[in-house]
């Protein structure tokens, strides 16, 4: 069953990478690694009001503290949300923005070289989203390079070991809000 879930995940990510490539071909002036244009404000913790909450949980075997950031005035992709929050993200050599392979240098390069696709025997990142006003996480079927989080939403990245269910959400609940429309 886990193999089927992992193979399905690989297939979904592959489709996202293809969709991203087609999108780039159709819109050559768009670059997923461009920095956000607005004046972004970042504070520690999840957003209490307006903004996008970002949670990075290094998993059950890591001794690293989870990171929570609130990013306000943000209107770019989830991939660039890491940079806006002051965090590093690494894709693979083959898919530089198609797969999140490493966040804040975790897992280390000696454990995961990030060449082609992440080695599922090491573990992998699971991606969750919560819509504005929602109180529960949803396993994301989007790729970080093609998803654009809206004000009031939350995103979580949780490192999962091979023995863990990729779709099991983080324990901490998302803080979301409903932002006023202009």
C-alpha atoms as a PDB file:
ATOM      1  CA  UNK A   1       0.000   0.000   0.000  1.00  0.00           C
ATOM      2  CA  UNK A   2       2.818   2.448   0.899  1.00  0.00           C
ATOM      3  CA  UNK A   3       4.538   1.647  -2.381  1.00  0.00           C
ATOM      4  CA  UNK A   4       1.322   2.478  -4.241  1.00  0.00           C
ATOM      5  CA  UNK A   5       1.015   5.794  -2.366  1.00  0.00           C
ATOM      6  CA  UNK A   6       4.659   6.666  -3.077  1.00  0.00           C
ATOM      7  CA  UNK A   7       4.323   5.725  -6.759  1.00  0.00           C
ATOM      8  CA  UNK A   8       1.144   7.816  -6.966  1.00  0.00           C
ATOM      9  CA  UNK A   9       2.990  10.732  -5.351  1.00  0.00           C
ATOM     10  CA  UNK A  10       5.838  10.403  -7.855  1.00  0.00           C
ATOM     11  CA  UNK A  11       3.299  10.366 -10.704  1.00  0.00           C
ATOM     12  CA  UNK A  12       1.522  13.457  -9.381  1.00  0.00           C
ATOM     13  CA  UNK A  13       4.780  15.337  -8.925  1.00  0.00           C
ATOM     14  CA  UNK A  14       5.814  14.343 -12.451  1.00  0.00           C
ATOM     15  CA  UNK A  15       2.558  15.739 -13.818  1.00  0.00           C
ATOM     16  CA  UNK A  16       3.098  18.943 -11.851  1.00  0.00           C
ATOM     17  CA  UNK A  17       6.602  19.244 -13.309  1.00  0.00           C
ATOM     18  CA  UNK A  18       5.199  18.779 -16.833  1.00  0.00           C
ATOM     19  CA  UNK A  19       2.455  21.339 -16.145  1.00  0.00           C
ATOM     20  CA  UNK A  20       5.046  23.751 -14.831  1.00  0.00           C
ATOM     21  CA  UNK A  21       7.181  23.291 -17.968  1.00  0.00           C
ATOM     22  CA  UNK A  22       4.173  23.886 -20.246  1.00  0.00           C
ATOM     23  CA  UNK A  23       3.229  26.964 -18.222  1.00  0.00           C
ATOM     24  CA  UNK A  24       6.761  28.327 -18.588  1.00  0.00           C
ATOM     25  CA  UNK A  25       6.714  27.660 -22.311  1.00  0.00           C
ATOM     26  CA  UNK A  26       3.420  29.518 -22.684  1.00  0.00           C
ATOM     27  CA  UNK A  27       4.562  32.402 -20.461  1.00  0.00           C
ATOM     28  CA  UNK A  28       8.302  32.884 -21.089  1.00  0.00           C
ATOM     29  CA  UNK A  29       8.490  36.087 -19.004  1.00  0.00           C
ATOM     30  CA  UNK A  30       7.376  34.204 -15.884  1.00  0.00           C
ATOM     31  CA  UNK A  31      10.060  32.667 -13.677  1.00  0.00           C
ATOM     32  CA  UNK A  32       9.144  30.629 -10.553  1.00  0.00           C
ATOM     33  CA  UNK A  33      12.341  31.680  -8.825  1.00  0.00           C
ATOM     34  CA  UNK A  34      11.734  35.430  -9.194  1.00  0.00           C
ATOM     35  CA  UNK A  35      11.457  37.165  -5.837  1.00  0.00           C
ATOM     36  CA  UNK A  36       8.094  38.558  -4.765  1.00  0.00           C
ATOM     37  CA  UNK A  37       7.575  42.154  -5.910  1.00  0.00           C
ATOM     38  CA  UNK A  38       5.605  43.414  -2.909  1.00  0.00           C
ATOM     39  CA  UNK A  39       6.920  44.610   0.414  1.00  0.00           C
ATOM     40  CA  UNK A  40       6.691  41.337   2.322  1.00  0.00           C
ATOM     41  CA  UNK A  41       6.540  41.324   6.135  1.00  0.00           C
ATOM     42  CA  UNK A  42       7.643  38.197   8.046  1.00  0.00           C
ATOM     43  CA  UNK A  43       7.100  37.451  11.737  1.00  0.00           C
ATOM     44  CA  UNK A  44       7.645  34.305  13.780  1.00  0.00           C
ATOM     45  CA  UNK A  45       4.618  32.130  14.489  1.00  0.00           C
ATOM     46  CA  UNK A  46       1.493  31.452  12.479  1.00  0.00           C
ATOM     47  CA  UNK A  47      -0.564  34.417  11.314  1.00  0.00           C
ATOM     48  CA  UNK A  48      -3.061  35.750  13.817  1.00  0.00           C
ATOM     49  CA  UNK A  49      -4.747  37.915  11.169  1.00  0.00           C
ATOM     50  CA  UNK A  50      -3.830  38.542   7.519  1.00  0.00           C
ATOM     51  CA  UNK A  51      -1.017  36.702   5.769  1.00  0.00           C
ATOM     52  CA  UNK A  52       0.095  33.211   4.809  1.00  0.00           C
ATOM     53  CA  UNK A  53       1.213  30.863   7.590  1.00  0.00           C
ATOM     54  CA  UNK A  54       4.151  28.593   6.757  1.00  0.00           C
ATOM     55  CA  UNK A  55       5.098  25.631   8.956  1.00  0.00           C
ATOM     56  CA  UNK A  56       8.158  23.437   8.415  1.00  0.00           C
ATOM     57  CA  UNK A  57       8.249  20.310  10.605  1.00  0.00           C
ATOM     58  CA  UNK A  58      11.437  18.254  10.302  1.00  0.00           C
ATOM     59  CA  UNK A  59       9.695  15.085  11.443  1.00  0.00           C
ATOM     60  CA  UNK A  60       9.597  12.567  14.249  1.00  0.00           C
ATOM     61  CA  UNK A  61      13.259  11.511  14.076  1.00  0.00           C
ATOM     62  CA  UNK A  62      14.771  14.979  13.809  1.00  0.00           C
ATOM     63  CA  UNK A  63      15.965  17.014  16.751  1.00  0.00           C
ATOM     64  CA  UNK A  64      15.330  20.229  14.814  1.00  0.00           C
ATOM     65  CA  UNK A  65      12.652  22.608  16.054  1.00  0.00           C
ATOM     66  CA  UNK A  66       9.675  23.164  13.798  1.00  0.00           C
ATOM     67  CA  UNK A  67       9.595  26.578  12.130  1.00  0.00           C
ATOM     68  CA  UNK A  68       6.464  28.726  11.956  1.00  0.00           C
ATOM     69  CA  UNK A  69       6.342  31.990  10.010  1.00  0.00           C
ATOM     70  CA  UNK A  70       3.643  34.476   9.065  1.00  0.00           C
ATOM     71  CA  UNK A  71       4.264  36.120   5.704  1.00  0.00           C
ATOM     72  CA  UNK A  72       2.108  39.176   4.962  1.00  0.00           C
ATOM     73  CA  UNK A  73       1.721  41.068   1.661  1.00  0.00           C
ATOM     74  CA  UNK A  74       2.684  37.959  -0.299  1.00  0.00           C
ATOM     75  CA  UNK A  75       1.450  37.147  -3.814  1.00  0.00           C
ATOM     76  CA  UNK A  76       3.849  34.658  -5.401  1.00  0.00           C
ATOM     77  CA  UNK A  77       4.263  30.874  -5.511  1.00  0.00           C
ATOM     78  CA  UNK A  78       4.618  28.505  -2.590  1.00  0.00           C
ATOM     79  CA  UNK A  79       8.160  27.758  -3.789  1.00  0.00           C
ATOM     80  CA  UNK A  80       9.135  31.421  -3.403  1.00  0.00           C
ATOM     81  CA  UNK A  81       7.340  31.580  -0.055  1.00  0.00           C
ATOM     82  CA  UNK A  82      10.390  29.881   1.483  1.00  0.00           C
ATOM     83  CA  UNK A  83      12.687  32.683   0.301  1.00  0.00           C
ATOM     84  CA  UNK A  84      10.211  35.342   1.412  1.00  0.00           C
ATOM     85  CA  UNK A  85      10.211  33.715   4.875  1.00  0.00           C
ATOM     86  CA  UNK A  86      14.019  33.672   4.968  1.00  0.00           C
ATOM     87  CA  UNK A  87      14.254  29.886   4.568  1.00  0.00           C
ATOM     88  CA  UNK A  88      16.252  27.856   2.076  1.00  0.00           C
ATOM     89  CA  UNK A  89      14.689  25.268  -0.206  1.00  0.00           C
ATOM     90  CA  UNK A  90      16.471  22.930  -2.606  1.00  0.00           C
ATOM     91  CA  UNK A  91      14.993  21.014  -5.487  1.00  0.00           C
ATOM     92  CA  UNK A  92      16.780  18.237  -7.311  1.00  0.00           C
ATOM     93  CA  UNK A  93      19.443  18.672  -9.983  1.00  0.00           C
ATOM     94  CA  UNK A  94      17.033  17.294 -12.578  1.00  0.00           C
ATOM     95  CA  UNK A  95      13.953  19.151 -11.243  1.00  0.00           C
ATOM     96  CA  UNK A  96      15.258  22.322  -9.545  1.00  0.00           C
ATOM     97  CA  UNK A  97      11.752  23.606  -8.702  1.00  0.00           C
ATOM     98  CA  UNK A  98       9.738  20.428  -9.298  1.00  0.00           C
ATOM     99  CA  UNK A  99      10.489  18.570  -6.072  1.00  0.00           C
ATOM    100  CA  UNK A 100      11.159  19.936  -2.619  1.00  0.00           C
ATOM    101  CA  UNK A 101      14.127  17.805  -1.677  1.00  0.00           C
ATOM    102  CA  UNK A 102      15.686  19.784   1.149  1.00  0.00           C
ATOM    103  CA  UNK A 103      14.455  22.575   3.450  1.00  0.00           C
ATOM    104  CA  UNK A 104      16.954  24.430   5.650  1.00  0.00           C
ATOM    105  CA  UNK A 105      19.571  21.871   4.545  1.00  0.00           C
ATOM    106  CA  UNK A 106      17.470  18.967   5.855  1.00  0.00           C
ATOM    107  CA  UNK A 107      17.988  16.170   5.101  1.00  0.00           C
ATOM    108  CA  UNK A 108      21.715  16.702   4.745  1.00  0.00           C
ATOM    109  CA  UNK A 109      23.428  16.311   1.390  1.00  0.00           C
ATOM    110  CA  UNK A 110      25.237  13.198   2.672  1.00  0.00           C
ATOM    111  CA  UNK A 111      21.851  11.517   3.311  1.00  0.00           C
ATOM    112  CA  UNK A 112      20.043  12.892   0.249  1.00  0.00           C
ATOM    113  CA  UNK A 113      22.128  14.180  -2.687  1.00  0.00           C
ATOM    114  CA  UNK A 114      19.012  15.586  -4.486  1.00  0.00           C
ATOM    115  CA  UNK A 115      20.118  14.489  -7.951  1.00  0.00           C
ATOM    116  CA  UNK A 116      17.101  13.043  -9.737  1.00  0.00           C
ATOM    117  CA  UNK A 117      14.158  12.436  -7.409  1.00  0.00           C
ATOM    118  CA  UNK A 118      14.252  12.296  -3.606  1.00  0.00           C
ATOM    119  CA  UNK A 119      15.186   8.839  -2.306  1.00  0.00           C
ATOM    120  CA  UNK A 120      12.067   7.584  -0.535  1.00  0.00           C
ATOM    121  CA  UNK A 121      14.173   5.179   1.547  1.00  0.00           C
ATOM    122  CA  UNK A 122      15.589   8.277   3.278  1.00  0.00           C
ATOM    123  CA  UNK A 123      12.192   9.937   3.653  1.00  0.00           C
ATOM    124  CA  UNK A 124      10.474  12.774   1.845  1.00  0.00           C
ATOM    125  CA  UNK A 125       8.593  16.011   2.387  1.00  0.00           C
ATOM    126  CA  UNK A 126       4.789  15.961   2.511  1.00  0.00           C
ATOM    127  CA  UNK A 127       2.974  19.151   1.603  1.00  0.00           C
ATOM    128  CA  UNK A 128      -0.268  20.266   3.247  1.00  0.00           C
ATOM    129  CA  UNK A 129      -2.491  23.305   2.752  1.00  0.00           C
ATOM    130  CA  UNK A 130      -5.385  24.873   4.624  1.00  0.00           C
ATOM    131  CA  UNK A 131      -7.806  27.220   2.889  1.00  0.00           C
ATOM    132  CA  UNK A 132      -8.726  30.613   4.340  1.00  0.00           C
ATOM    133  CA  UNK A 133     -11.077  30.062   7.257  1.00  0.00           C
ATOM    134  CA  UNK A 134     -10.371  26.277   7.439  1.00  0.00           C
ATOM    135  CA  UNK A 135      -9.306  24.515  10.623  1.00  0.00           C
ATOM    136  CA  UNK A 136      -7.837  21.310   9.138  1.00  0.00           C
ATOM    137  CA  UNK A 137      -4.988  20.401   6.811  1.00  0.00           C
ATOM    138  CA  UNK A 138      -5.491  18.928   3.355  1.00  0.00           C
ATOM    139  CA  UNK A 139      -2.784  16.872   1.659  1.00  0.00           C
ATOM    140  CA  UNK A 140      -1.712  18.964  -1.331  1.00  0.00           C
ATOM    141  CA  UNK A 141      -1.843  17.689  -4.878  1.00  0.00           C
ATOM    142  CA  UNK A 142      -0.211  20.891  -6.141  1.00  0.00           C
ATOM    143  CA  UNK A 143       3.469  21.465  -6.603  1.00  0.00           C
ATOM    144  CA  UNK A 144       5.090  24.352  -4.741  1.00  0.00           C
ATOM    145  CA  UNK A 145       6.210  26.011  -7.989  1.00  0.00           C
ATOM    146  CA  UNK A 146       2.677  26.177  -9.408  1.00  0.00           C
ATOM    147  CA  UNK A 147       0.593  26.841  -6.295  1.00  0.00           C
ATOM    148  CA  UNK A 148      -0.036  30.451  -5.219  1.00  0.00           C
ATOM    149  CA  UNK A 149      -1.179  30.731  -1.601  1.00  0.00           C
ATOM    150  CA  UNK A 150      -3.798  33.365  -0.882  1.00  0.00           C
ATOM    151  CA  UNK A 151      -4.019  35.663   2.107  1.00  0.00           C
ATOM    152  CA  UNK A 152      -5.477  33.842   5.104  1.00  0.00           C
ATOM    153  CA  UNK A 153      -4.234  30.384   4.077  1.00  0.00           C
ATOM    154  CA  UNK A 154      -1.668  28.113   5.701  1.00  0.00           C
ATOM    155  CA  UNK A 155       0.954  25.729   4.310  1.00  0.00           C
ATOM    156  CA  UNK A 156       2.877  22.988   6.066  1.00  0.00           C
ATOM    157  CA  UNK A 157       5.832  20.857   5.030  1.00  0.00           C
ATOM    158  CA  UNK A 158       6.379  17.745   7.117  1.00  0.00           C
ATOM    159  CA  UNK A 159       9.331  15.390   6.639  1.00  0.00           C
ATOM    160  CA  UNK A 160       8.063  11.812   6.623  1.00  0.00           C
ATOM    161  CA  UNK A 161      10.079   8.651   7.119  1.00  0.00           C
ATOM    162  CA  UNK A 162       9.449   5.684   4.781  1.00  0.00           C
ATOM    163  CA  UNK A 163       7.392   3.968   7.501  1.00  0.00           C
ATOM    164  CA  UNK A 164       5.064   6.972   7.929  1.00  0.00           C
ATOM    165  CA  UNK A 165       1.874   7.775   6.028  1.00  0.00           C
ATOM    166  CA  UNK A 166       2.577  10.612   3.578  1.00  0.00           C
ATOM    167  CA  UNK A 167      -0.978  11.904   3.883  1.00  0.00           C
ATOM    168  CA  UNK A 168      -1.135  11.990   7.699  1.00  0.00           C
ATOM    169  CA  UNK A 169      -1.375  15.733   8.515  1.00  0.00           C
ATOM    170  CA  UNK A 170       0.773  17.636  11.004  1.00  0.00           C
ATOM    171  CA  UNK A 171      -0.366  17.518  14.622  1.00  0.00           C
ATOM    172  CA  UNK A 172      -0.436  21.291  15.036  1.00  0.00           C
ATOM    173  CA  UNK A 173      -3.592  22.834  13.604  1.00  0.00           C
ATOM    174  CA  UNK A 174      -3.362  25.558  10.961  1.00  0.00           C
ATOM    175  CA  UNK A 175      -4.247  29.122  11.845  1.00  0.00           C
ATOM    176  CA  UNK A 176      -6.150  30.656   8.984  1.00  0.00           C
ATOM    177  CA  UNK A 177      -8.244  33.763   8.561  1.00  0.00           C
ATOM    178  CA  UNK A 178     -10.474  35.379   6.007  1.00  0.00           C
ATOM    179  CA  UNK A 179      -8.763  38.430   4.565  1.00  0.00           C
ATOM    180  CA  UNK A 180     -10.758  41.413   3.340  1.00  0.00           C
ATOM    181  CA  UNK A 181     -11.056  41.741  -0.425  1.00  0.00           C
ATOM    182  CA  UNK A 182     -10.050  44.933  -2.191  1.00  0.00           C
END
